[in-house]
């Protein structure tokens, strides 16, 4: 399994997914075609969970702004994590600036939507 690296642009976040079990998504997310942009991310994550030996997974989200289609994609991302939470130790840090109330509320919404996932709100 290879590392997935996507460079940050004006409209898309930087994404780093390592086979050692580290995922970092950072920046703004409002790509023109959200599901096309995140397709390699979802493929990588799906492939990660079908490996013979899956290490634990630590996910760090630091999204300063995202549109509604990104929100739907993030929901699908969390849903996939939720499907594998019993077989893989998964921790998620939802990082936000303390002055960015909408980012904090989005993290709280994901905690409400996925109460069995370990999602921690972290101010940066």
Foldseek 3Di string as FASTA:
>chain_A
DQWDWDPDDQAAWTWTQHLQAEIETAEEHDDPDRCVVCVVVVVVLVVLVPDPDHAAHEYEYHYLYYDPVVLVVVLVVVVSCLVCVVPHPYAYEQEYAPVRVVSVVSQVVVCVVRVPHHYHYHYD
